[in-house]
Amino acid sequence: MEISEFEKKRAANLIWNGAQDYTISTGFRVYDEEGRAELYWNSIVGAIHKHYDWKKLKLFYNTFYETIDQTVYESLFWIALENAAFLKEKDVRPVFPYLRQEYAKRKLPHVKPGISHSRADVILLGHLRRSLGRNAGLPDPVDVKLLDAIEIGPELDTDGVIDSLTRTLETFFTYRRNGKAGETGRKEHINPFSLFFLRRRKNGQAGNLGPVRHLAFGYGEHVDEYGSAVLDQSHLSVAFAAYSAQTDEGLKEYITDYFGKPALDDKTTKELEKACCTGNHTDVKLHITRGEYTEDMLEKGYAGKMHKAAIEQAKANEKAYEERRQRYHTQIEKLTERIRNSLLMHLDDQVVKSSYDRLNAGRIWRALKLGDDKVFDHTIRGDSGNLTVDILLDASTSQIHRQETVSAQGYMIAMALTACHIPVRVYSFCSMNGYTILNQFRDYDENDRNREIFRFFTAGANRDGLAIRLAANMMKNNHADHRILIVLSDCKPNDVIKVRTGSGQYRDYAAALGVSDTSAEVHAARMQGIDVLCVFTGEDDALTNCRRIYDRNFVRIRSLDLFAEAVGSMLQNRIREL
């Protein structure tokens, strides 16, 4: 199997993302039958790095080398660690259950233990069925016991995992270990020189990144280092290390095929990066798109496949809306009425003295006696055109189970604002492979494009602070007297590109740092005269983040029937203060 350098780098990036640590050596990567980096399994490998002592696990794993059942042991090792790491991550990273189920659905039809005669295939079959909430369906009770033993829980530490797996392999196979956990031996002889060359091959040889072996769950590539050099993020130009110009172009093409053609030319994009990708966002690149694509783009490997999935998600969003159309329409009408009433009340018509328009008989004497020609009343209409609203939708993978809801909410707000003749612009944001992507659905004067909002789909991570900085940068050029930015977000900023510190170290763009950075960007936007509001779409555990970022300028929609009331009140309060 040929695996391209791009897929190798993509696998490494998925592992770093799963581990939330760019300093680790990606010692094992997983690919599918077509040589593409496996999304779920590489993320799990990263999670294993995060929760366990990799050095101890590697010592234990090395004891499988040149044993009779080497590939079986290796497969069972990874299945066991997958189960444990998944149980540790599933509650804090909601995307993991979704990715696991999608992997199981895709893999299950292709697992045929009756043909391969591998115990690992049998165990994987039962494990996949259980992942989908089914009975393991294994006829041999010994295999069921083996599966139960392999599916270790999240309560064990590294030594506990090694001890548990050792007992299992000694019980069901011929494996033997000597020594304490993490200091393992084997029954069979091992050639230390062959092990060395298995783990590290010199750059320039065929397959220099190490051997790729077929395991029960995919194809595993065993390496200790990324190529022939240890990684140092100070050399990153985007999310990967030491990219050549050709590889940079490959990544740019990948992002384009995934999200759509760029809406800006290279020069304008570079200028925007120079203005915005500084400070905490150094090393990040931008891709601004309107989601336009060619049919050829849809046929370009994994990125094209995911773009097809995005197109299908747009259909699902529209279908979900149509199924509840009447309830949504009612909320649009209510929200429209609240906004319109607020505009009439707080952006009232003004009557001023003028030299033209409607004659005011009571002031005629001023023209005769004082030469004052302003004896007419001129009405200045309340101008909602002096108010613009931008809507920014968080499209990170943590929103994956809310795609239909978030797209409907964005659509309802846009429809109400359009009905009130308020210029509105709508776009989504996410981050992937070192790029922050803005996907624009409609612009201020495109009142007939609100349904484009149903193109909303989730992918990657989210760099909220940079997205808000970008939005503010774009809004400052619209020349409106009053500008409002509404962010629909779950308030969990998290991106794989770390933040450079003054001492040359790196910190994760996540948790407290991500929240403080986003809060600072909200404050900076407000200092530019932009009112920043939030419609909170997340869970209870992120409410504190939401308050820190947006203070009291947010609402949470607990029920569709309360949508117009909540959003309407928030907008009324802002219009009242204009």
Protein backbone atom coordinates (compact mmCIF):
# COMPACT_ATOMS: atom_id res chain seq x y z
CA MET A 1 0.00 0.00 0.00
CA GLU A 2 1.26 3.47 -0.90
CA ILE A 3 0.64 6.16 1.69
CA SER A 4 1.29 9.72 0.59
CA GLU A 5 3.31 12.17 2.63
CA PHE A 6 0.18 14.29 2.91
CA GLU A 7 -1.80 11.46 4.57
CA LYS A 8 1.11 10.75 6.91
CA LYS A 9 1.14 14.38 7.99
CA ARG A 10 -2.63 14.42 8.30
CA ALA A 11 -2.51 11.32 10.53
CA ALA A 12 0.10 13.01 12.71
CA ASN A 13 -2.05 16.12 12.99
CA LEU A 14 -5.07 14.07 14.07
CA ILE A 15 -2.96 12.43 16.77
CA TRP A 16 -1.67 15.79 18.01
CA ASN A 17 -5.22 17.08 18.09
CA GLY A 18 -6.41 14.03 20.05
CA ALA A 19 -3.53 14.34 22.50
CA GLN A 20 -3.83 18.14 22.64
CA ASP A 21 -0.05 18.14 22.61
CA TYR A 22 2.19 19.02 19.64
CA THR A 23 5.37 17.89 21.40
CA ILE A 24 4.68 14.15 21.32
CA SER A 25 6.25 11.78 18.85
CA THR A 26 3.54 10.14 16.74
CA GLY A 27 4.79 6.59 17.18
CA PHE A 28 1.81 4.82 15.62
CA ARG A 29 -0.62 5.95 12.92
CA VAL A 30 -3.63 4.32 11.34
CA TYR A 31 -4.86 4.31 7.74
CA ASP A 32 -7.85 2.83 5.93
CA GLU A 33 -7.79 0.42 2.99
CA GLU A 34 -7.16 3.26 0.55
CA GLY A 35 -4.18 4.67 2.44
CA ARG A 36 -6.04 7.61 3.98
CA ALA A 37 -5.49 8.72 7.54
CA GLU A 38 -8.25 7.18 9.70
CA LEU A 39 -10.04 10.01 11.49
CA TYR A 40 -11.37 8.15 14.52
CA TRP A 41 -8.43 5.85 15.19
CA ASN A 42 -5.75 8.50 14.94
CA SER A 43 -7.79 10.70 17.29
CA ILE A 44 -7.94 7.75 19.70
CA VAL A 45 -4.18 7.21 19.45
CA GLY A 46 -3.81 10.85 20.48
CA ALA A 47 -6.17 10.32 23.42
CA ILE A 48 -4.07 7.32 24.51
CA HIS A 49 -0.99 9.59 24.52
CA LYS A 50 -2.97 12.03 26.64
CA HIS A 51 -4.07 9.59 29.34
CA TYR A 52 -1.31 6.95 29.56
CA ASP A 53 2.46 6.64 29.88
CA TRP A 54 3.45 6.05 26.26
CA LYS A 55 6.97 4.87 27.10
CA LYS A 56 5.67 2.07 29.31
CA LEU A 57 3.07 1.08 26.77
CA LYS A 58 5.71 1.00 24.02
CA LEU A 59 7.98 -1.26 26.07
CA PHE A 60 5.09 -3.63 26.58
CA TYR A 61 4.06 -3.41 22.92
CA ASN A 62 7.60 -4.23 21.79
CA THR A 63 7.37 -7.59 23.55
CA PHE A 64 4.97 -8.74 20.83
CA TYR A 65 7.66 -8.50 18.15
CA GLU A 66 8.57 -11.80 16.44
CA THR A 67 6.09 -13.80 18.53
CA ILE A 68 3.87 -16.38 16.84
CA ASP A 69 0.73 -14.27 17.22
CA GLN A 70 2.35 -10.85 16.86
CA THR A 71 -0.37 -9.16 14.75
CA VAL A 72 -3.12 -10.64 16.94
CA TYR A 73 -1.47 -9.26 20.09
CA GLU A 74 -0.98 -5.88 18.44
CA SER A 75 -4.60 -5.72 17.29
CA LEU A 76 -5.96 -6.69 20.71
CA PHE A 77 -3.64 -4.18 22.39
CA TRP A 78 -5.08 -1.32 20.34
CA ILE A 79 -8.69 -2.48 20.72
CA ALA A 80 -8.23 -2.58 24.49
CA LEU A 81 -6.63 0.87 24.63
CA GLU A 82 -9.28 2.26 22.26
CA ASN A 83 -12.04 1.15 24.62
CA ALA A 84 -10.34 2.65 27.67
CA ALA A 85 -9.41 5.95 26.01
CA PHE A 86 -12.88 6.31 24.48
CA LEU A 87 -14.55 5.91 27.88
CA LYS A 88 -12.24 8.60 29.31
CA GLU A 89 -12.95 11.07 26.48
CA LYS A 90 -16.60 10.52 25.51
CA ASP A 91 -18.08 12.90 28.08
CA VAL A 92 -15.58 15.73 27.58
CA ARG A 93 -15.39 15.42 23.77
CA PRO A 94 -18.90 14.72 22.44
CA VAL A 95 -17.58 14.13 18.92
CA PHE A 96 -15.93 10.86 19.98
CA PRO A 97 -19.19 8.85 20.32
CA TYR A 98 -20.27 10.06 16.89
CA LEU A 99 -16.92 9.22 15.26
CA ARG A 100 -16.88 5.81 16.94
CA GLN A 101 -20.32 4.91 15.67
CA GLU A 102 -19.53 6.13 12.17
CA TYR A 103 -16.35 4.04 12.15
CA ALA A 104 -18.24 0.96 13.40
CA LYS A 105 -20.96 1.35 10.76
CA ARG A 106 -18.37 1.72 8.03
CA LYS A 107 -16.11 -1.10 9.21
CA LEU A 108 -18.63 -3.71 10.35
CA PRO A 109 -19.67 -5.01 6.89
CA HIS A 110 -16.02 -5.62 5.98
CA VAL A 111 -15.03 -7.67 9.04
CA LYS A 112 -15.19 -11.32 8.00
CA PRO A 113 -13.52 -13.47 10.68
CA GLY A 114 -14.73 -16.65 8.99
CA ILE A 115 -12.41 -15.88 6.08
CA SER A 116 -9.42 -14.42 7.86
CA HIS A 117 -9.48 -16.97 10.71
CA SER A 118 -8.02 -14.32 13.06
CA ARG A 119 -9.06 -14.15 16.70
CA ALA A 120 -8.46 -10.41 16.50
CA ASP A 121 -11.04 -10.15 13.70
CA VAL A 122 -13.54 -12.07 15.80
CA ILE A 123 -12.99 -9.78 18.78
CA LEU A 124 -13.19 -6.67 16.60
CA LEU A 125 -16.50 -7.91 15.17
CA GLY A 126 -18.01 -8.26 18.64
CA HIS A 127 -16.50 -4.97 19.74
CA LEU A 128 -17.98 -3.08 16.78
CA ARG A 129 -21.40 -4.55 17.44
CA ARG A 130 -21.22 -3.47 21.07
CA SER A 131 -20.09 0.00 19.96
CA LEU A 132 -23.40 0.27 18.10
CA GLY A 133 -25.38 -0.89 21.14
CA ARG A 134 -25.93 -4.42 19.84
CA ASN A 135 -25.23 -7.83 21.27
CA ALA A 136 -21.69 -9.01 20.50
CA GLY A 137 -23.19 -11.93 18.54
CA LEU A 138 -20.20 -14.25 19.05
CA PRO A 139 -21.25 -17.94 19.10
CA ASP A 140 -18.18 -19.17 20.98
CA PRO A 141 -18.45 -18.38 24.73
CA VAL A 142 -14.63 -18.34 24.96
CA ASP A 143 -14.55 -15.48 22.46
CA VAL A 144 -17.17 -13.61 24.49
CA LYS A 145 -14.98 -13.98 27.59
CA LEU A 146 -11.96 -12.78 25.62
CA LEU A 147 -13.92 -9.75 24.39
CA ASP A 148 -15.03 -8.94 27.94
CA ALA A 149 -11.42 -9.09 29.09
CA ILE A 150 -10.13 -6.96 26.21
CA GLU A 151 -12.70 -4.17 26.70
CA ILE A 152 -10.93 -2.65 29.69
CA GLY A 153 -12.47 0.31 31.48
CA PRO A 154 -11.29 3.87 32.12
CA GLU A 155 -10.42 3.30 35.78
CA LEU A 156 -7.05 1.61 35.14
CA ASP A 157 -3.78 3.51 34.98
CA THR A 158 -0.91 2.53 32.67
CA ASP A 159 0.41 -0.22 34.93
CA GLY A 160 -3.11 -1.53 35.43
CA VAL A 161 -3.69 -1.65 31.68
CA ILE A 162 -0.46 -3.58 31.13
CA ASP A 163 -1.24 -6.04 33.93
CA SER A 164 -4.77 -6.61 32.64
CA LEU A 165 -3.65 -7.19 29.06
CA THR A 166 -0.84 -9.47 30.19
CA ARG A 167 -3.26 -11.68 32.15
CA THR A 168 -5.62 -11.78 29.18
CA LEU A 169 -2.94 -12.74 26.65
CA GLU A 170 -1.47 -15.35 28.99
CA THR A 171 -4.93 -16.83 29.59
CA PHE A 172 -6.12 -17.02 25.99
CA PHE A 173 -2.81 -17.32 24.08
CA THR A 174 0.76 -18.55 24.49
CA TYR A 175 2.11 -15.13 25.47
CA ARG A 176 4.35 -14.98 28.56
CA ARG A 177 5.81 -12.01 30.40
CA ASN A 178 8.63 -11.66 32.92
CA GLY A 179 9.14 -8.71 35.23
CA LYS A 180 6.94 -5.90 36.48
CA ALA A 181 4.44 -3.85 34.56
CA GLY A 182 6.23 -1.69 32.04
CA GLU A 183 9.33 -3.93 32.24
CA THR A 184 8.18 -6.83 30.15
CA GLY A 185 9.86 -9.79 28.53
CA ARG A 186 8.69 -12.51 26.16
CA LYS A 187 8.87 -16.19 25.74
CA GLU A 188 10.27 -15.99 22.22
CA HIS A 189 13.72 -14.69 21.35
CA ILE A 190 13.98 -11.13 20.05
CA ASN A 191 16.70 -9.84 17.81
CA PRO A 192 17.54 -6.36 19.15
CA PHE A 193 19.01 -5.25 15.82
CA SER A 194 15.91 -6.19 13.83
CA LEU A 195 13.75 -4.40 16.41
CA PHE A 196 15.89 -1.29 16.06
CA PHE A 197 15.51 -1.23 12.31
CA LEU A 198 11.83 -2.02 12.58
CA ARG A 199 11.30 1.04 14.72
CA ARG A 200 13.62 3.45 12.88
CA ARG A 201 14.79 3.39 9.29
CA LYS A 202 17.14 5.94 7.88
CA ASN A 203 15.77 8.70 5.71
CA GLY A 204 16.18 7.99 2.02
CA GLN A 205 15.34 4.29 2.11
CA ALA A 206 12.11 2.92 0.72
CA GLY A 207 9.41 3.18 3.35
CA ASN A 208 11.58 5.41 5.49
CA LEU A 209 8.74 6.13 7.92
CA GLY A 210 8.57 2.50 8.98
CA PRO A 211 6.54 -0.59 8.10
CA VAL A 212 2.80 -0.59 7.60
CA ARG A 213 1.07 -3.76 8.81
CA HIS A 214 -2.49 -4.92 8.36
CA LEU A 215 -4.23 -5.09 11.74
CA ALA A 216 -7.82 -6.05 12.50
CA PHE A 217 -9.08 -2.46 12.60
CA GLY A 218 -6.99 -0.92 9.78
CA TYR A 219 -3.40 -0.47 8.64
CA GLY A 220 -0.95 0.55 11.34
CA GLU A 221 2.26 2.44 10.66
CA HIS A 222 4.88 2.00 13.37
CA VAL A 223 7.27 4.93 13.79
CA ASP A 224 9.03 6.63 16.66
CA GLU A 225 9.63 10.00 15.10
CA TYR A 226 8.08 12.12 12.40
CA GLY A 227 10.37 11.28 9.50
CA SER A 228 14.00 11.60 10.51
CA ALA A 229 13.72 14.66 12.74
CA VAL A 230 12.14 15.39 16.08
CA LEU A 231 9.34 17.91 15.77
CA ASP A 232 9.69 21.48 16.98
CA GLN A 233 6.62 23.68 16.61
CA SER A 234 8.75 26.78 16.20
CA HIS A 235 9.27 25.60 12.61
CA LEU A 236 5.56 25.24 11.88
CA SER A 237 4.16 27.34 9.08
CA VAL A 238 0.68 25.93 9.60
CA ALA A 239 -0.32 22.87 11.55
CA PHE A 240 2.44 20.60 10.31
CA ALA A 241 6.19 20.61 10.68
CA ALA A 242 8.73 21.70 8.09
CA TYR A 243 6.41 21.90 5.11
CA SER A 244 7.90 22.28 1.68
CA ALA A 245 6.27 24.79 -0.68
CA GLN A 246 4.73 21.90 -2.58
CA THR A 247 3.15 20.51 0.59
CA ASP A 248 1.82 23.95 1.54
CA GLU A 249 0.11 24.08 -1.82
CA GLY A 250 -1.24 20.58 -1.24
CA LEU A 251 -2.76 21.60 2.07
CA LYS A 252 -4.23 24.75 0.56
CA GLU A 253 -5.79 22.63 -2.20
CA TYR A 254 -7.11 20.20 0.42
CA ILE A 255 -8.81 23.01 2.37
CA THR A 256 -10.27 24.38 -0.89
CA ASP A 257 -11.64 21.00 -1.93
CA TYR A 258 -13.12 20.52 1.55
CA PHE A 259 -14.78 23.92 2.05
CA GLY A 260 -15.02 25.56 -1.38
CA LYS A 261 -13.17 27.96 -3.63
CA PRO A 262 -11.62 31.04 -1.96
CA ALA A 263 -13.74 34.18 -2.17
CA LEU A 264 -10.69 36.46 -1.95
CA ASP A 265 -7.61 36.59 -4.13
CA ASP A 266 -4.25 35.60 -2.65
CA LYS A 267 -3.10 39.19 -2.17
CA THR A 268 -6.20 40.20 -0.20
CA THR A 269 -6.00 37.05 1.89
CA LYS A 270 -2.35 37.72 2.72
CA GLU A 271 -3.23 41.27 3.77
CA LEU A 272 -6.00 39.94 6.00
CA GLU A 273 -3.62 37.39 7.54
CA LYS A 274 -1.07 40.13 8.16
CA ALA A 275 -3.70 42.24 9.91
CA CYS A 276 -5.37 39.50 11.96
CA CYS A 277 -3.05 36.49 12.36
CA THR A 278 -0.81 38.08 14.96
CA GLY A 279 -0.24 37.68 18.69
CA ASN A 280 -2.09 34.62 19.93
CA HIS A 281 -2.94 33.73 16.34
CA THR A 282 0.51 33.74 14.80
CA ASP A 283 1.08 30.71 12.49
CA VAL A 284 -2.62 30.51 11.56
CA LYS A 285 -3.73 30.89 7.94
CA LEU A 286 -7.11 31.99 6.58
CA HIS A 287 -9.53 30.60 4.05
CA ILE A 288 -12.54 32.81 3.26
CA THR A 289 -15.07 31.07 1.04
CA ARG A 290 -18.66 31.19 -0.16
CA GLY A 291 -18.81 27.43 -0.51
CA GLU A 292 -18.59 27.43 -4.29
CA TYR A 293 -17.18 24.29 -5.85
CA THR A 294 -16.72 22.43 -9.12
CA GLU A 295 -17.74 18.84 -9.79
CA ASP A 296 -14.05 17.94 -10.07
CA MET A 297 -13.49 19.08 -6.48
CA LEU A 298 -16.03 16.53 -5.27
CA GLU A 299 -13.95 13.69 -6.69
CA LYS A 300 -10.70 14.65 -4.94
CA GLY A 301 -10.15 12.03 -2.28
CA TYR A 302 -11.14 12.53 1.34
CA ALA A 303 -11.68 16.30 1.07
CA GLY A 304 -14.06 15.83 -1.84
CA LYS A 305 -15.89 13.11 0.03
CA MET A 306 -16.35 15.39 3.05
CA HIS A 307 -17.56 18.21 0.79
CA LYS A 308 -20.18 15.82 -0.54
CA ALA A 309 -21.15 15.08 3.05
CA ALA A 310 -21.51 18.84 3.66
CA ILE A 311 -23.85 19.10 0.69
CA GLU A 312 -25.94 16.27 2.13
CA GLN A 313 -25.98 18.02 5.51
CA ALA A 314 -27.41 21.13 3.83
CA LYS A 315 -30.28 19.01 2.57
CA ALA A 316 -30.78 17.56 6.04
CA ASN A 317 -30.85 21.07 7.54
CA GLU A 318 -33.53 22.21 5.11
CA LYS A 319 -35.55 19.05 5.61
CA ALA A 320 -35.47 19.47 9.40
CA TYR A 321 -36.62 23.06 9.01
CA GLU A 322 -39.48 22.15 6.67
CA GLU A 323 -40.69 19.50 9.09
CA ARG A 324 -41.24 22.22 11.72
CA ARG A 325 -41.87 25.02 9.31
CA GLN A 326 -45.01 26.36 10.96
CA ARG A 327 -43.41 26.65 14.40
CA TYR A 328 -40.31 28.28 12.95
CA HIS A 329 -42.42 30.70 10.89
CA THR A 330 -44.33 31.73 14.00
CA GLN A 331 -41.09 32.54 15.77
CA ILE A 332 -39.85 34.56 12.79
CA GLU A 333 -43.03 36.63 12.81
CA LYS A 334 -42.79 37.25 16.56
CA LEU A 335 -39.12 38.19 16.34
CA THR A 336 -39.79 40.48 13.38
CA GLU A 337 -42.52 42.28 15.30
CA ARG A 338 -40.32 42.79 18.35
CA ILE A 339 -37.45 44.19 16.28
CA ARG A 340 -39.77 46.42 14.24
CA ASN A 341 -41.44 47.83 17.36
CA SER A 342 -38.07 48.53 18.88
CA LEU A 343 -36.92 50.34 15.74
CA LEU A 344 -40.09 52.45 15.64
CA MET A 345 -39.71 53.35 19.28
CA HIS A 346 -36.01 54.05 19.44
CA LEU A 347 -35.22 55.07 15.88
CA ASP A 348 -38.23 57.40 15.52
CA ASP A 349 -38.79 59.88 12.72
CA GLN A 350 -37.43 63.32 13.55
CA VAL A 351 -39.01 66.65 12.42
CA VAL A 352 -36.43 69.39 11.88
CA LYS A 353 -36.54 72.98 10.65
CA SER A 354 -35.76 73.24 6.97
CA SER A 355 -35.84 75.56 3.97
CA TYR A 356 -38.08 73.12 2.13
CA ASP A 357 -40.81 70.50 2.61
CA ARG A 358 -44.02 71.30 4.56
CA LEU A 359 -44.72 74.95 5.42
CA ASN A 360 -45.11 75.74 9.11
CA ALA A 361 -47.49 78.74 9.29
CA GLY A 362 -46.37 79.61 12.81
CA ARG A 363 -42.86 80.44 11.59
CA ILE A 364 -43.74 82.60 8.54
CA TRP A 365 -43.07 85.76 10.56
CA ARG A 366 -39.41 84.69 10.92
CA ALA A 367 -38.96 84.87 7.16
CA LEU A 368 -40.56 88.32 7.02
CA LYS A 369 -38.93 89.88 10.07
CA LEU A 370 -35.66 87.94 10.50
CA GLY A 371 -34.87 86.69 7.03
CA ASP A 372 -34.91 83.10 8.32
CA ASP A 373 -35.85 80.82 5.46
CA LYS A 374 -36.20 77.73 7.67
CA VAL A 375 -39.94 78.01 7.96
CA PHE A 376 -40.63 74.49 6.74
CA ASP A 377 -40.82 71.19 8.62
CA HIS A 378 -38.72 68.39 7.18
CA THR A 379 -39.17 64.81 8.41
CA ILE A 380 -36.09 62.60 8.76
CA ARG A 381 -37.20 59.03 8.70
CA GLY A 382 -35.83 56.59 11.27
CA ASP A 383 -33.18 54.87 9.21
CA SER A 384 -32.56 51.21 10.01
CA GLY A 385 -29.99 51.32 7.22
CA ASN A 386 -27.65 52.97 9.74
CA LEU A 387 -27.71 49.65 11.61
CA THR A 388 -26.06 46.45 10.34
CA VAL A 389 -25.99 43.01 11.93
CA ASP A 390 -23.43 40.25 11.34
CA ILE A 391 -24.25 36.70 12.41
CA LEU A 392 -21.32 34.38 13.13
CA LEU A 393 -22.07 30.65 13.52
CA ASP A 394 -19.68 28.35 15.38
CA ALA A 395 -19.20 25.42 12.97
CA SER A 396 -16.74 23.31 14.99
CA THR A 397 -17.27 19.58 15.36
CA SER A 398 -18.53 20.02 18.94
CA GLN A 399 -21.70 21.38 17.32
CA ILE A 400 -22.17 18.30 15.16
CA HIS A 401 -25.36 17.17 16.89
CA ARG A 402 -26.84 20.68 16.67
CA GLN A 403 -26.32 21.38 12.97
CA GLU A 404 -30.03 21.47 12.11
CA THR A 405 -30.81 23.61 15.16
CA VAL A 406 -28.00 26.14 14.70
CA SER A 407 -28.72 26.59 11.00
CA ALA A 408 -32.42 27.14 11.77
CA GLN A 409 -31.60 29.70 14.46
CA GLY A 410 -29.30 31.63 12.14
CA TYR A 411 -31.93 31.53 9.42
CA MET A 412 -34.71 32.80 11.69
CA ILE A 413 -32.65 35.76 12.91
CA ALA A 414 -31.64 36.65 9.35
CA MET A 415 -35.23 36.42 8.10
CA ALA A 416 -36.53 38.70 10.86
CA LEU A 417 -33.79 41.28 10.26
CA THR A 418 -34.41 41.16 6.51
CA ALA A 419 -38.11 41.79 7.07
CA CYS A 420 -37.18 44.87 9.11
CA HIS A 421 -34.92 46.13 6.27
CA ILE A 422 -31.78 45.76 8.41
CA PRO A 423 -28.70 44.78 6.37
CA VAL A 424 -27.43 41.41 7.61
CA ARG A 425 -24.40 39.26 6.79
CA VAL A 426 -24.09 35.62 7.86
CA TYR A 427 -21.08 33.31 7.96
CA SER A 428 -19.76 30.33 9.90
CA PHE A 429 -16.28 29.62 11.26
CA CYS A 430 -14.16 26.60 12.12
CA SER A 431 -10.47 25.63 12.15
CA MET A 432 -8.69 22.76 10.45
CA ASN A 433 -5.06 21.86 9.83
CA GLY A 434 -3.80 25.31 10.78
CA TYR A 435 -6.45 27.23 8.81
CA THR A 436 -9.34 29.23 10.22
CA ILE A 437 -12.18 29.03 7.70
CA LEU A 438 -14.96 31.62 7.26
CA ASN A 439 -17.81 30.33 5.11
CA GLN A 440 -20.04 33.23 4.04
CA PHE A 441 -23.69 32.47 3.32
CA ARG A 442 -25.05 35.94 2.48
CA ASP A 443 -23.95 39.58 2.43
CA TYR A 444 -25.72 42.76 3.52
CA ASP A 445 -27.52 43.36 0.23
CA GLU A 446 -28.33 39.72 -0.56
CA ASN A 447 -31.81 39.53 0.87
CA ASP A 448 -32.75 36.61 -1.35
CA ARG A 449 -29.96 34.33 -0.07
CA ASN A 450 -31.11 33.56 3.45
CA ARG A 451 -31.69 29.91 2.58
CA GLU A 452 -27.95 29.65 1.93
CA ILE A 453 -27.62 29.53 5.71
CA PHE A 454 -28.79 25.92 5.54
CA ARG A 455 -25.36 25.16 4.03
CA PHE A 456 -24.09 25.28 7.61
CA PHE A 457 -22.05 22.19 8.50
CA THR A 458 -19.51 21.37 11.19
CA ALA A 459 -15.86 20.36 10.84
CA GLY A 460 -12.60 20.64 12.76
CA ALA A 461 -11.92 22.83 15.77
CA ASN A 462 -12.74 26.45 16.64
CA ARG A 463 -10.51 29.45 17.25
CA ASP A 464 -13.23 31.80 18.53
CA GLY A 465 -10.94 34.72 19.27
CA LEU A 466 -9.57 34.86 15.75
CA ALA A 467 -13.05 34.46 14.24
CA ILE A 468 -14.33 37.44 16.22
CA ARG A 469 -11.24 39.46 15.32
CA LEU A 470 -11.86 38.67 11.64
CA ALA A 471 -15.53 39.60 11.89
CA ALA A 472 -14.70 42.91 13.55
CA ASN A 473 -12.08 43.64 10.89
CA MET A 474 -14.61 43.01 8.13
CA MET A 475 -17.37 45.01 9.85
CA LYS A 476 -15.34 48.17 10.27
CA ASN A 477 -15.51 48.76 6.52
CA ASN A 478 -19.32 48.80 6.20
CA HIS A 479 -19.62 52.51 7.24
CA ALA A 480 -22.78 51.95 9.31
CA ASP A 481 -23.37 54.16 12.34
CA HIS A 482 -24.37 51.17 14.46
CA ARG A 483 -23.02 47.63 14.16
CA ILE A 484 -24.07 44.47 15.98
CA LEU A 485 -22.30 41.10 15.89
CA ILE A 486 -24.32 38.07 17.03
CA VAL A 487 -22.26 34.93 17.71
CA LEU A 488 -23.99 31.54 17.94
CA SER A 489 -21.50 29.41 19.87
CA ASP A 490 -21.08 26.68 22.48
CA CYS A 491 -18.27 28.78 24.01
CA LYS A 492 -15.60 26.08 23.98
CA PRO A 493 -12.67 27.57 22.04
CA ASN A 494 -10.15 24.86 21.18
CA ASP A 495 -7.65 24.71 18.33
CA VAL A 496 -4.60 22.58 17.50
CA ILE A 497 -2.29 25.51 16.71
CA LYS A 498 -0.76 26.55 19.99
CA VAL A 499 -0.08 30.05 21.26
CA ARG A 500 3.51 31.29 21.29
CA THR A 501 4.62 32.83 24.55
CA GLY A 502 7.25 35.52 25.03
CA SER A 503 9.66 32.94 26.42
CA GLY A 504 9.48 30.84 23.27
CA GLN A 505 7.22 28.21 24.83
CA TYR A 506 3.81 27.12 23.58
CA ARG A 507 0.45 26.88 25.29
CA ASP A 508 -2.70 25.10 24.17
CA TYR A 509 -5.38 27.28 22.60
CA ALA A 510 -8.04 25.74 24.81
CA ALA A 511 -9.71 25.99 28.21
CA ALA A 512 -8.74 29.13 30.17
CA LEU A 513 -6.41 30.51 27.51
CA GLY A 514 -8.99 30.11 24.74
CA VAL A 515 -11.68 31.73 26.87
CA SER A 516 -9.49 34.67 27.91
CA ASP A 517 -8.36 35.26 24.32
CA THR A 518 -11.95 35.22 23.04
CA SER A 519 -13.03 37.55 25.85
CA ALA A 520 -10.22 39.96 24.91
CA GLU A 521 -11.32 39.96 21.26
CA VAL A 522 -14.93 40.65 22.26
CA HIS A 523 -13.70 43.59 24.34
CA ALA A 524 -11.55 44.86 21.45
CA ALA A 525 -14.54 44.70 19.08
CA ARG A 526 -16.67 46.66 21.53
CA MET A 527 -13.97 49.30 21.77
CA GLN A 528 -14.37 49.69 17.99
CA GLY A 529 -18.05 50.46 18.49
CA ILE A 530 -19.33 46.96 17.68
CA ASP A 531 -21.95 45.48 20.01
CA VAL A 532 -21.10 41.79 20.43
CA LEU A 533 -23.91 39.49 21.55
CA CYS A 534 -24.11 35.72 21.95
CA VAL A 535 -26.79 33.11 21.45
CA PHE A 536 -25.38 30.31 23.61
CA THR A 537 -25.81 26.89 22.00
CA GLY A 538 -23.77 24.74 24.40
CA GLU A 539 -24.23 22.66 27.53
CA ASP A 540 -24.25 23.62 31.21
CA ASP A 541 -20.54 22.97 31.66
CA ALA A 542 -19.69 25.86 29.30
CA LEU A 543 -22.02 28.46 30.82
CA THR A 544 -19.18 29.87 32.93
CA ASN A 545 -17.11 30.31 29.75
CA CYS A 546 -20.01 32.14 28.12
CA ARG A 547 -20.32 34.59 31.02
CA ARG A 548 -16.59 35.27 31.06
CA ILE A 549 -16.54 35.96 27.33
CA TYR A 550 -19.78 37.89 26.82
CA ASP A 551 -20.57 39.09 30.34
CA ARG A 552 -24.38 39.46 30.45
CA ASN A 553 -24.79 40.01 26.74
CA PHE A 554 -25.99 36.53 25.86
CA VAL A 555 -29.15 34.45 25.81
CA ARG A 556 -29.71 30.72 26.02
CA ILE A 557 -32.52 29.15 24.01
CA ARG A 558 -34.09 26.45 26.13
CA SER A 559 -37.15 25.98 23.92
CA LEU A 560 -38.06 26.82 20.34
CA ASP A 561 -41.23 28.54 21.57
CA LEU A 562 -39.06 30.98 23.58
CA PHE A 563 -36.68 31.78 20.74
CA ALA A 564 -38.32 35.04 19.59
CA GLU A 565 -38.74 36.26 23.15
CA ALA A 566 -35.10 35.60 24.13
CA VAL A 567 -33.42 36.90 20.98
CA GLY A 568 -35.94 39.72 20.60
CA SER A 569 -35.30 40.99 24.13
CA MET A 570 -31.55 40.89 23.59
CA LEU A 571 -31.81 42.90 20.35
CA GLN A 572 -34.33 45.33 21.82
CA ASN A 573 -31.95 46.12 24.65
CA ARG A 574 -29.15 46.87 22.21
CA ILE A 575 -31.31 49.00 19.90
CA ARG A 576 -32.56 50.94 22.91
CA GLU A 577 -28.97 51.94 23.72
CA LEU A 578 -28.03 53.00 20.18
